[in-house]
Amino acid sequence: MFACRPALLVMFCAALGACTPPASRAPARSPAELEALRPADARLAAVYERACYLCHARAGSGAPLVGDVAAWAPRLAKGQAALVEQVKQGLGGMPPRGLCPDCSDDDLAALIAFMSAPEVKP
């Protein structure tokens, strides 16, 4: 078998690290910053508070947090129509329509756009 050589192992790990693309993760937001984020549109802000806020503004909920580019990227890669359809059906721990039975597809798309935007500011 192969003998483990520390220097070779270190070089191998360094080479792997060099091949890893840089993280596109937005800076982590504090709980207070997450609490302050709302859509600019008052009607959507009210829907967000009622249907999205509890999970998407609370670290540890399992839901992608508002403005977390890395968490939203694989979801957004599916395309807006597919993502809206998944929200309508329920996804993971999220119930169908994300607790917003009266939201239109356009409302859901706007809320997804707000929550997934890296430049979301309080």
N, C-alpha and C. Protein backbone atom coordinates (compact mmCIF):
# COMPACT_ATOMS: atom_id res chain seq x y z
N MET A 1 0.82 -1.19 0.00
CA MET A 1 0.00 0.00 0.00
C MET A 1 0.87 1.26 0.00
N PHE A 2 0.20 2.41 -0.02
CA PHE A 2 0.91 3.67 -0.08
C PHE A 2 1.20 4.17 1.34
N ALA A 3 2.40 4.66 1.54
CA ALA A 3 2.75 5.25 2.82
C ALA A 3 2.28 6.70 2.83
N CYS A 4 1.74 7.11 3.92
CA CYS A 4 1.26 8.49 4.03
C CYS A 4 2.44 9.39 4.35
N ARG A 5 2.69 10.35 3.52
CA ARG A 5 3.79 11.30 3.72
C ARG A 5 3.19 12.66 3.99
N PRO A 6 3.47 13.22 5.17
CA PRO A 6 2.86 14.49 5.54
C PRO A 6 3.06 15.61 4.53
N ALA A 7 4.26 15.75 3.99
CA ALA A 7 4.51 16.84 3.04
C ALA A 7 3.67 16.67 1.77
N LEU A 8 3.56 15.43 1.30
CA LEU A 8 2.76 15.15 0.11
C LEU A 8 1.29 15.43 0.37
N LEU A 9 0.83 15.06 1.55
CA LEU A 9 -0.56 15.28 1.92
C LEU A 9 -0.87 16.78 1.98
N VAL A 10 0.04 17.55 2.55
CA VAL A 10 -0.15 19.00 2.63
C VAL A 10 -0.21 19.61 1.23
N MET A 11 0.68 19.18 0.34
CA MET A 11 0.69 19.71 -1.03
C MET A 11 -0.60 19.34 -1.76
N PHE A 12 -1.06 18.12 -1.57
CA PHE A 12 -2.29 17.67 -2.21
C PHE A 12 -3.48 18.52 -1.74
N CYS A 13 -3.58 18.74 -0.44
CA CYS A 13 -4.68 19.54 0.11
C CYS A 13 -4.61 20.98 -0.38
N ALA A 14 -3.40 21.53 -0.46
CA ALA A 14 -3.24 22.90 -0.96
C ALA A 14 -3.69 23.00 -2.41
N ALA A 15 -3.34 21.97 -3.20
CA ALA A 15 -3.74 21.98 -4.61
C ALA A 15 -5.25 21.90 -4.74
N LEU A 16 -5.89 21.09 -3.93
CA LEU A 16 -7.35 21.02 -3.97
C LEU A 16 -7.98 22.36 -3.61
N GLY A 17 -7.41 23.02 -2.61
CA GLY A 17 -7.94 24.32 -2.21
C GLY A 17 -7.82 25.35 -3.31
N ALA A 18 -6.77 25.27 -4.09
CA ALA A 18 -6.58 26.22 -5.18
C ALA A 18 -7.59 26.01 -6.29
N CYS A 19 -8.15 24.81 -6.40
CA CYS A 19 -9.12 24.51 -7.44
C CYS A 19 -10.54 24.89 -7.05
N THR A 20 -10.74 25.23 -5.80
CA THR A 20 -12.07 25.55 -5.32
C THR A 20 -12.42 26.98 -5.73
N PRO A 21 -13.58 27.19 -6.36
CA PRO A 21 -13.94 28.55 -6.74
C PRO A 21 -14.16 29.42 -5.50
N PRO A 22 -13.92 30.70 -5.61
CA PRO A 22 -14.12 31.58 -4.46
C PRO A 22 -15.58 31.59 -4.05
N ALA A 23 -15.80 31.72 -2.78
CA ALA A 23 -17.17 31.73 -2.26
C ALA A 23 -17.87 33.01 -2.71
N SER A 24 -19.13 32.87 -3.10
CA SER A 24 -19.91 34.05 -3.50
C SER A 24 -20.92 34.36 -2.40
N ARG A 25 -20.61 33.96 -1.21
CA ARG A 25 -21.52 34.11 -0.09
C ARG A 25 -21.53 35.57 0.37
N ALA A 26 -22.71 36.09 0.54
CA ALA A 26 -22.86 37.44 1.06
C ALA A 26 -22.43 37.44 2.52
N PRO A 27 -21.98 38.57 3.02
CA PRO A 27 -21.59 38.61 4.43
C PRO A 27 -22.78 38.21 5.30
N ALA A 28 -22.49 37.49 6.36
CA ALA A 28 -23.55 37.06 7.28
C ALA A 28 -24.17 38.30 7.93
N ARG A 29 -25.47 38.25 8.06
CA ARG A 29 -26.16 39.35 8.71
C ARG A 29 -26.48 38.98 10.15
N SER A 30 -26.50 39.98 10.99
CA SER A 30 -26.85 39.75 12.38
C SER A 30 -28.36 39.53 12.48
N PRO A 31 -28.81 38.93 13.57
CA PRO A 31 -30.26 38.78 13.75
C PRO A 31 -31.01 40.12 13.68
N ALA A 32 -30.41 41.18 14.19
CA ALA A 32 -31.05 42.49 14.13
C ALA A 32 -31.17 42.99 12.69
N GLU A 33 -30.13 42.76 11.89
CA GLU A 33 -30.19 43.16 10.48
C GLU A 33 -31.26 42.37 9.74
N LEU A 34 -31.31 41.06 9.98
CA LEU A 34 -32.33 40.23 9.33
C LEU A 34 -33.73 40.68 9.74
N GLU A 35 -33.88 41.06 10.99
CA GLU A 35 -35.18 41.50 11.50
C GLU A 35 -35.65 42.78 10.79
N ALA A 36 -34.72 43.62 10.41
CA ALA A 36 -35.06 44.92 9.82
C ALA A 36 -35.39 44.86 8.32
N LEU A 37 -35.07 43.76 7.66
CA LEU A 37 -35.26 43.68 6.21
C LEU A 37 -36.73 43.47 5.85
N ARG A 38 -37.21 44.28 4.90
CA ARG A 38 -38.58 44.16 4.39
C ARG A 38 -38.60 44.60 2.93
N PRO A 39 -39.50 44.04 2.13
CA PRO A 39 -39.67 44.56 0.77
C PRO A 39 -40.08 46.03 0.81
N ALA A 40 -39.69 46.79 -0.20
CA ALA A 40 -40.04 48.21 -0.26
C ALA A 40 -41.54 48.42 -0.43
N ASP A 41 -42.18 47.55 -1.18
CA ASP A 41 -43.62 47.64 -1.42
C ASP A 41 -44.36 47.27 -0.12
N ALA A 42 -45.21 48.16 0.38
CA ALA A 42 -45.88 47.96 1.67
C ALA A 42 -46.75 46.69 1.68
N ARG A 43 -47.44 46.43 0.58
CA ARG A 43 -48.30 45.24 0.53
C ARG A 43 -47.45 43.97 0.61
N LEU A 44 -46.36 43.93 -0.17
CA LEU A 44 -45.48 42.77 -0.13
C LEU A 44 -44.78 42.64 1.23
N ALA A 45 -44.46 43.78 1.84
CA ALA A 45 -43.84 43.75 3.17
C ALA A 45 -44.79 43.10 4.18
N ALA A 46 -46.07 43.41 4.08
CA ALA A 46 -47.06 42.80 4.98
C ALA A 46 -47.17 41.30 4.74
N VAL A 47 -47.15 40.89 3.48
CA VAL A 47 -47.20 39.45 3.15
C VAL A 47 -45.93 38.77 3.66
N TYR A 48 -44.79 39.39 3.44
CA TYR A 48 -43.52 38.84 3.91
C TYR A 48 -43.56 38.62 5.41
N GLU A 49 -44.03 39.62 6.16
CA GLU A 49 -44.10 39.50 7.62
C GLU A 49 -45.02 38.37 8.04
N ARG A 50 -46.10 38.21 7.33
CA ARG A 50 -47.11 37.19 7.68
C ARG A 50 -46.70 35.78 7.26
N ALA A 51 -46.05 35.66 6.10
CA ALA A 51 -45.85 34.34 5.52
C ALA A 51 -44.40 33.88 5.39
N CYS A 52 -43.45 34.79 5.33
CA CYS A 52 -42.06 34.41 5.02
C CYS A 52 -41.08 34.66 6.17
N TYR A 53 -41.33 35.73 6.88
CA TYR A 53 -40.38 36.23 7.88
C TYR A 53 -39.96 35.18 8.90
N LEU A 54 -40.89 34.44 9.44
CA LEU A 54 -40.61 33.52 10.53
C LEU A 54 -39.46 32.57 10.19
N CYS A 55 -39.41 32.09 8.98
CA CYS A 55 -38.35 31.14 8.59
C CYS A 55 -37.18 31.80 7.87
N HIS A 56 -37.46 32.76 6.99
CA HIS A 56 -36.40 33.32 6.14
C HIS A 56 -35.61 34.44 6.81
N ALA A 57 -35.95 34.80 8.04
CA ALA A 57 -35.18 35.81 8.78
C ALA A 57 -34.63 35.22 10.07
N ARG A 58 -34.72 33.93 10.22
CA ARG A 58 -34.26 33.26 11.45
C ARG A 58 -33.23 32.19 11.11
N ALA A 59 -32.00 32.45 11.50
CA ALA A 59 -30.94 31.46 11.28
C ALA A 59 -31.31 30.18 12.01
N GLY A 60 -30.99 29.06 11.40
CA GLY A 60 -31.27 27.78 12.01
C GLY A 60 -32.62 27.18 11.65
N SER A 61 -33.41 27.92 10.87
CA SER A 61 -34.74 27.43 10.49
C SER A 61 -34.65 26.39 9.38
N GLY A 62 -33.53 26.38 8.67
CA GLY A 62 -33.38 25.49 7.52
C GLY A 62 -33.77 26.16 6.22
N ALA A 63 -34.41 27.29 6.29
CA ALA A 63 -34.80 28.05 5.09
C ALA A 63 -33.65 28.96 4.69
N PRO A 64 -33.50 29.24 3.39
CA PRO A 64 -32.46 30.19 2.98
C PRO A 64 -32.79 31.58 3.52
N LEU A 65 -31.82 32.21 4.13
CA LEU A 65 -32.05 33.53 4.72
C LEU A 65 -32.08 34.62 3.65
N VAL A 66 -32.73 35.69 3.98
CA VAL A 66 -32.82 36.84 3.09
C VAL A 66 -31.42 37.32 2.74
N GLY A 67 -31.14 37.43 1.44
CA GLY A 67 -29.87 37.95 0.96
C GLY A 67 -28.71 36.98 0.99
N ASP A 68 -28.93 35.72 1.38
CA ASP A 68 -27.86 34.73 1.44
C ASP A 68 -27.67 34.13 0.03
N VAL A 69 -26.78 34.73 -0.71
CA VAL A 69 -26.56 34.39 -2.12
C VAL A 69 -26.25 32.90 -2.30
N ALA A 70 -25.37 32.37 -1.46
CA ALA A 70 -24.97 30.96 -1.61
C ALA A 70 -26.14 30.02 -1.36
N ALA A 71 -26.98 30.32 -0.40
CA ALA A 71 -28.13 29.46 -0.10
C ALA A 71 -29.19 29.54 -1.19
N TRP A 72 -29.34 30.70 -1.80
CA TRP A 72 -30.36 30.86 -2.83
C TRP A 72 -29.90 30.38 -4.20
N ALA A 73 -28.61 30.36 -4.46
CA ALA A 73 -28.08 30.04 -5.80
C ALA A 73 -28.62 28.73 -6.38
N PRO A 74 -28.57 27.60 -5.66
CA PRO A 74 -29.07 26.36 -6.28
C PRO A 74 -30.57 26.40 -6.53
N ARG A 75 -31.29 27.14 -5.75
CA ARG A 75 -32.73 27.27 -5.95
C ARG A 75 -33.02 28.12 -7.19
N LEU A 76 -32.31 29.24 -7.30
CA LEU A 76 -32.51 30.14 -8.44
C LEU A 76 -32.06 29.50 -9.75
N ALA A 77 -31.11 28.58 -9.65
CA ALA A 77 -30.61 27.91 -10.87
C ALA A 77 -31.71 27.09 -11.55
N LYS A 78 -32.74 26.74 -10.83
CA LYS A 78 -33.85 25.98 -11.40
C LYS A 78 -34.73 26.84 -12.30
N GLY A 79 -34.60 28.15 -12.17
CA GLY A 79 -35.43 29.07 -12.93
C GLY A 79 -36.60 29.55 -12.10
N GLN A 80 -37.02 30.77 -12.38
CA GLN A 80 -38.10 31.38 -11.58
C GLN A 80 -39.40 30.58 -11.64
N ALA A 81 -39.79 30.15 -12.82
CA ALA A 81 -41.06 29.42 -12.94
C ALA A 81 -41.04 28.12 -12.14
N ALA A 82 -39.93 27.39 -12.19
CA ALA A 82 -39.82 26.14 -11.44
C ALA A 82 -39.81 26.40 -9.94
N LEU A 83 -39.14 27.46 -9.53
CA LEU A 83 -39.07 27.78 -8.11
C LEU A 83 -40.44 28.21 -7.58
N VAL A 84 -41.16 29.02 -8.34
CA VAL A 84 -42.51 29.42 -7.93
C VAL A 84 -43.40 28.18 -7.83
N GLU A 85 -43.27 27.27 -8.77
CA GLU A 85 -44.07 26.04 -8.73
C GLU A 85 -43.74 25.21 -7.50
N GLN A 86 -42.45 25.14 -7.14
CA GLN A 86 -42.07 24.40 -5.93
C GLN A 86 -42.66 25.05 -4.68
N VAL A 87 -42.65 26.38 -4.64
CA VAL A 87 -43.23 27.09 -3.50
C VAL A 87 -44.72 26.79 -3.42
N LYS A 88 -45.39 26.78 -4.56
CA LYS A 88 -46.83 26.50 -4.57
C LYS A 88 -47.13 25.10 -4.05
N GLN A 89 -46.26 24.14 -4.33
CA GLN A 89 -46.46 22.76 -3.90
C GLN A 89 -45.98 22.52 -2.46
N GLY A 90 -45.10 23.36 -1.98
CA GLY A 90 -44.45 23.14 -0.70
C GLY A 90 -43.07 22.57 -0.97
N LEU A 91 -42.11 22.90 -0.15
CA LEU A 91 -40.73 22.51 -0.42
C LEU A 91 -40.03 22.25 0.90
N GLY A 92 -39.54 21.04 1.09
CA GLY A 92 -38.88 20.72 2.36
C GLY A 92 -39.86 20.91 3.51
N GLY A 93 -39.47 21.73 4.46
CA GLY A 93 -40.34 22.01 5.61
C GLY A 93 -41.34 23.12 5.36
N MET A 94 -41.28 23.73 4.18
CA MET A 94 -42.19 24.83 3.87
C MET A 94 -43.52 24.27 3.38
N PRO A 95 -44.62 24.73 3.97
CA PRO A 95 -45.92 24.25 3.53
C PRO A 95 -46.29 24.82 2.16
N PRO A 96 -47.28 24.26 1.49
CA PRO A 96 -47.70 24.78 0.20
C PRO A 96 -47.98 26.29 0.27
N ARG A 97 -47.49 26.97 -0.75
CA ARG A 97 -47.62 28.41 -0.90
C ARG A 97 -46.93 29.20 0.22
N GLY A 98 -46.10 28.51 0.99
CA GLY A 98 -45.34 29.22 2.02
C GLY A 98 -46.20 29.96 3.01
N LEU A 99 -47.31 29.42 3.38
CA LEU A 99 -48.27 30.03 4.31
C LEU A 99 -48.95 31.27 3.74
N CYS A 100 -49.02 31.37 2.44
CA CYS A 100 -49.69 32.50 1.81
C CYS A 100 -50.69 31.98 0.78
N PRO A 101 -51.85 31.49 1.23
CA PRO A 101 -52.82 30.92 0.29
C PRO A 101 -53.38 31.94 -0.70
N ASP A 102 -53.34 33.22 -0.34
CA ASP A 102 -53.88 34.25 -1.22
C ASP A 102 -52.83 34.90 -2.12
N CYS A 103 -51.59 34.42 -2.07
CA CYS A 103 -50.53 34.98 -2.92
C CYS A 103 -50.69 34.48 -4.36
N SER A 104 -50.55 35.41 -5.28
CA SER A 104 -50.54 35.05 -6.70
C SER A 104 -49.13 34.55 -7.06
N ASP A 105 -48.99 33.99 -8.23
CA ASP A 105 -47.66 33.58 -8.71
C ASP A 105 -46.73 34.79 -8.78
N ASP A 106 -47.27 35.93 -9.19
CA ASP A 106 -46.46 37.15 -9.25
C ASP A 106 -45.99 37.58 -7.85
N ASP A 107 -46.88 37.44 -6.85
CA ASP A 107 -46.50 37.77 -5.47
C ASP A 107 -45.37 36.86 -5.02
N LEU A 108 -45.51 35.56 -5.27
CA LEU A 108 -44.48 34.61 -4.87
C LEU A 108 -43.15 34.92 -5.56
N ALA A 109 -43.21 35.23 -6.84
CA ALA A 109 -41.99 35.57 -7.58
C ALA A 109 -41.34 36.83 -7.01
N ALA A 110 -42.15 37.83 -6.67
CA ALA A 110 -41.61 39.08 -6.11
C ALA A 110 -40.99 38.83 -4.74
N LEU A 111 -41.61 37.98 -3.93
CA LEU A 111 -41.06 37.67 -2.62
C LEU A 111 -39.75 36.89 -2.74
N ILE A 112 -39.71 35.96 -3.67
CA ILE A 112 -38.48 35.21 -3.92
C ILE A 112 -37.38 36.17 -4.38
N ALA A 113 -37.70 37.07 -5.27
CA ALA A 113 -36.73 38.04 -5.78
C ALA A 113 -36.19 38.89 -4.63
N PHE A 114 -37.07 39.34 -3.74
CA PHE A 114 -36.65 40.13 -2.60
C PHE A 114 -35.71 39.33 -1.70
N MET A 115 -36.13 38.12 -1.34
CA MET A 115 -35.36 37.33 -0.38
C MET A 115 -34.02 36.86 -0.94
N SER A 116 -33.94 36.65 -2.24
CA SER A 116 -32.72 36.11 -2.84
C SER A 116 -31.74 37.18 -3.31
N ALA A 117 -32.13 38.43 -3.27
CA ALA A 117 -31.27 39.51 -3.77
C ALA A 117 -30.10 39.76 -2.83
N PRO A 118 -28.87 39.76 -3.34
CA PRO A 118 -27.70 39.97 -2.48
C PRO A 118 -27.62 41.40 -1.95
N GLU A 119 -28.25 42.34 -2.63
CA GLU A 119 -28.12 43.74 -2.23
C GLU A 119 -29.26 44.18 -1.31
N VAL A 120 -29.99 43.25 -0.73
CA VAL A 120 -31.08 43.59 0.18
C VAL A 120 -30.50 44.40 1.33
N LYS A 121 -31.12 45.54 1.60
CA LYS A 121 -30.66 46.42 2.67
C LYS A 121 -31.82 46.74 3.61
N PRO A 122 -31.49 46.92 4.90
CA PRO A 122 -32.55 47.29 5.85
C PRO A 122 -33.04 48.69 5.61
